């Protein structure tokens, strides 16, 4: 087995072969493998795990074979410049920084994250500005079947993410308990304090399905069922309301969470409803209506 012409590299190669060391030792791939094996299973959100796996499929071919000293700030910036999906590139390197931090704890490297303390090195991002007005919401709601309407009702009433709205369990003792899939926070709603939730559960009828959101035949509602229903309703709504067509086509089903934030009494209530740790997050990405100011004279 050739060891190459460089003496130092040959010694390392011989060490690996003689002691049956993994080929990824001393490489970023070693930390990625350990992260996938040890850390990824700890995440309870399926969406987070799915997103991280997607990011790793982009990261590993580029950075996996590299040594820690080979990754510098210019290299990270070069990666972002080469990525056509600019925002997604930011997410991928955010995950790489998490893995890098774990590698420091595991003793795989002593080199700090190359971008530590540096501001403005990532691709610029702009929060998506879109207001789900009553007119837009009603236009799609009119074209929706009962399953989609129920989902839109749950989401806009509780502020739940779509996955949580789809999988939340039936109320116990009059309380709709749920654990946010993304943050893991536990909260509940008192059903009889919400006319929308009360009407939904009364309309639902008896079925063996343990979720409030169910089909007419008592089946659990999948993500693809909602996606197909929403796409169809949005097409019909755009055709029925030509003046609103562009905005209707630009509205996503997940924007029901924005709608819930706007329906809240104020910013504090919206932030609490969406289970955000800071009001700035709510203000930047979700609540689109302004705050009423009082004139001083």
Foldseek 3Di string as FASTA:
>chain_A
DDQDDDPVSSVVVCVCVVVVNDPQQQFLLVLVVCCVVPPLVVQQFPVVSVLLVVLCVVVCVPGRNDGPVVDALVNLLVQLVPDPPQVSSVVSVVVVQVSVVVCCVVVSDVDHDRCVPPPPSGDDDAADAAACDPVLVVLLLVLFDPLLVQLLLQCLQQLAFSVFSQPFFDDDPQWRWTQHSRPRDIDIDRQVVDPSSVVLQVVQDDEPAGHSRADPNRHRDDPVNNVVRSVVSLVVSCVVDVVCNVSSVVDDSRLSSLNNLQPAPDLVRSCVSNVHPDSVVCVRHHDNDDDDDDDPD
